[in-house]
Amino acid sequence: MRDFMLSNAPIARPRRTTPKRQMRERRTAQALVLFGLVLAAVELYVILGSF
């Protein structure tokens, strides 16, 4: 009977993200965007510098 009750237990909802985690994810996203912009600038410098 116990196994039957456990198998029908409701699936737990995923936790909502906490503000601290959201801030860390936002900082990570900003760092990736900044890195992409710097990389694009370096690529343009290398390409245009070769002419």
N, C-alpha and C. Protein backbone atom coordinates (compact mmCIF):
# COMPACT_ATOMS: atom_id res chain seq x y z
N MET A 1 0.82 -1.20 0.00
CA MET A 1 0.00 0.00 0.00
C MET A 1 0.87 1.26 0.00
N ARG A 2 1.97 1.18 0.75
CA ARG A 2 2.86 2.34 0.84
C ARG A 2 3.47 2.66 -0.53
N ASP A 3 3.86 1.64 -1.28
CA ASP A 3 4.42 1.85 -2.61
C ASP A 3 3.40 2.51 -3.54
N PHE A 4 2.15 2.13 -3.40
CA PHE A 4 1.09 2.72 -4.22
C PHE A 4 0.94 4.20 -3.91
N MET A 5 1.03 4.57 -2.65
CA MET A 5 0.89 5.97 -2.26
C MET A 5 2.08 6.79 -2.77
N LEU A 6 3.27 6.23 -2.73
CA LEU A 6 4.45 6.95 -3.19
C LEU A 6 4.42 7.15 -4.70
N SER A 7 3.92 6.15 -5.43
CA SER A 7 3.92 6.27 -6.88
C SER A 7 2.92 7.31 -7.37
N ASN A 8 1.89 7.60 -6.58
CA ASN A 8 0.89 8.59 -6.96
C ASN A 8 1.15 9.97 -6.33
N ALA A 9 2.31 10.15 -5.72
CA ALA A 9 2.62 11.43 -5.10
C ALA A 9 2.72 12.50 -6.19
N PRO A 10 2.22 13.70 -5.93
CA PRO A 10 2.31 14.76 -6.95
C PRO A 10 3.76 15.15 -7.20
N ILE A 11 4.04 15.51 -8.43
CA ILE A 11 5.40 15.92 -8.78
C ILE A 11 5.63 17.32 -8.22
N ALA A 12 6.76 17.49 -7.56
CA ALA A 12 7.06 18.79 -6.95
C ALA A 12 7.29 19.84 -8.02
N ARG A 13 6.77 21.03 -7.77
CA ARG A 13 6.98 22.13 -8.71
C ARG A 13 8.44 22.60 -8.63
N PRO A 14 8.99 23.04 -9.75
CA PRO A 14 10.35 23.59 -9.67
C PRO A 14 10.34 24.88 -8.86
N ARG A 15 11.38 25.11 -8.12
CA ARG A 15 11.44 26.30 -7.28
C ARG A 15 11.57 27.55 -8.13
N ARG A 16 10.99 28.61 -7.64
CA ARG A 16 11.15 29.90 -8.31
C ARG A 16 12.56 30.40 -8.03
N THR A 17 13.15 31.09 -9.00
CA THR A 17 14.51 31.57 -8.80
C THR A 17 14.51 32.68 -7.76
N THR A 18 15.51 32.65 -6.90
CA THR A 18 15.62 33.65 -5.85
C THR A 18 16.25 34.91 -6.44
N PRO A 19 16.04 36.05 -5.81
CA PRO A 19 16.63 37.29 -6.33
C PRO A 19 18.16 37.23 -6.46
N LYS A 20 18.82 36.55 -5.53
CA LYS A 20 20.28 36.45 -5.59
C LYS A 20 20.70 35.68 -6.84
N ARG A 21 19.98 34.62 -7.15
CA ARG A 21 20.31 33.83 -8.33
C ARG A 21 20.03 34.62 -9.61
N GLN A 22 18.92 35.36 -9.61
CA GLN A 22 18.59 36.18 -10.78
C GLN A 22 19.68 37.23 -11.02
N MET A 23 20.19 37.82 -9.95
CA MET A 23 21.24 38.83 -10.09
C MET A 23 22.50 38.20 -10.66
N ARG A 24 22.83 37.00 -10.19
CA ARG A 24 24.03 36.32 -10.70
C ARG A 24 23.86 35.96 -12.17
N GLU A 25 22.67 35.51 -12.56
CA GLU A 25 22.42 35.18 -13.96
C GLU A 25 22.48 36.43 -14.83
N ARG A 26 21.97 37.55 -14.32
CA ARG A 26 22.00 38.80 -15.08
C ARG A 26 23.44 39.27 -15.27
N ARG A 27 24.25 39.17 -14.21
CA ARG A 27 25.66 39.56 -14.33
C ARG A 27 26.39 38.67 -15.32
N THR A 28 26.09 37.38 -15.30
CA THR A 28 26.72 36.46 -16.24
C THR A 28 26.33 36.80 -17.67
N ALA A 29 25.07 37.11 -17.89
CA ALA A 29 24.62 37.49 -19.23
C ALA A 29 25.29 38.77 -19.69
N GLN A 30 25.41 39.75 -18.80
CA GLN A 30 26.08 41.00 -19.16
C GLN A 30 27.55 40.76 -19.48
N ALA A 31 28.20 39.89 -18.72
CA ALA A 31 29.61 39.59 -18.99
C ALA A 31 29.78 38.91 -20.34
N LEU A 32 28.87 38.02 -20.70
CA LEU A 32 28.95 37.34 -22.00
C LEU A 32 28.73 38.32 -23.15
N VAL A 33 27.79 39.26 -22.98
CA VAL A 33 27.55 40.26 -24.02
C VAL A 33 28.78 41.15 -24.17
N LEU A 34 29.35 41.58 -23.06
CA LEU A 34 30.55 42.42 -23.11
C LEU A 34 31.70 41.67 -23.78
N PHE A 35 31.87 40.41 -23.44
CA PHE A 35 32.93 39.61 -24.04
C PHE A 35 32.71 39.50 -25.56
N GLY A 36 31.48 39.30 -25.98
CA GLY A 36 31.18 39.21 -27.40
C GLY A 36 31.48 40.50 -28.14
N LEU A 37 31.15 41.64 -27.51
CA LEU A 37 31.44 42.93 -28.14
C LEU A 37 32.94 43.17 -28.26
N VAL A 38 33.69 42.84 -27.22
CA VAL A 38 35.15 43.00 -27.26
C VAL A 38 35.74 42.09 -28.33
N LEU A 39 35.25 40.86 -28.40
CA LEU A 39 35.75 39.93 -29.41
C LEU A 39 35.45 40.43 -30.82
N ALA A 40 34.26 40.98 -31.04
CA ALA A 40 33.90 41.52 -32.35
C ALA A 40 34.80 42.71 -32.70
N ALA A 41 35.09 43.57 -31.73
CA ALA A 41 35.96 44.72 -31.97
C ALA A 41 37.37 44.26 -32.33
N VAL A 42 37.88 43.26 -31.65
CA VAL A 42 39.22 42.74 -31.95
C VAL A 42 39.24 42.12 -33.34
N GLU A 43 38.19 41.39 -33.69
CA GLU A 43 38.14 40.79 -35.03
C GLU A 43 38.14 41.87 -36.11
N LEU A 44 37.35 42.92 -35.92
CA LEU A 44 37.33 44.02 -36.89
C LEU A 44 38.70 44.70 -36.98
N TYR A 45 39.35 44.88 -35.84
CA TYR A 45 40.67 45.49 -35.84
C TYR A 45 41.67 44.65 -36.62
N VAL A 46 41.61 43.34 -36.43
CA VAL A 46 42.53 42.44 -37.13
C VAL A 46 42.24 42.43 -38.62
N ILE A 47 40.96 42.36 -38.98
CA ILE A 47 40.60 42.31 -40.41
C ILE A 47 40.94 43.62 -41.11
N LEU A 48 40.55 44.74 -40.49
CA LEU A 48 40.81 46.03 -41.13
C LEU A 48 42.28 46.43 -41.04
N GLY A 49 42.98 45.92 -40.07
CA GLY A 49 44.41 46.23 -39.93
C GLY A 49 45.26 45.51 -40.95
N SER A 50 44.72 44.47 -41.55
CA SER A 50 45.53 43.71 -42.52
C SER A 50 45.54 44.36 -43.90
N PHE A 51 44.71 45.38 -44.14
CA PHE A 51 44.68 46.04 -45.45
C PHE A 51 45.81 47.03 -45.59
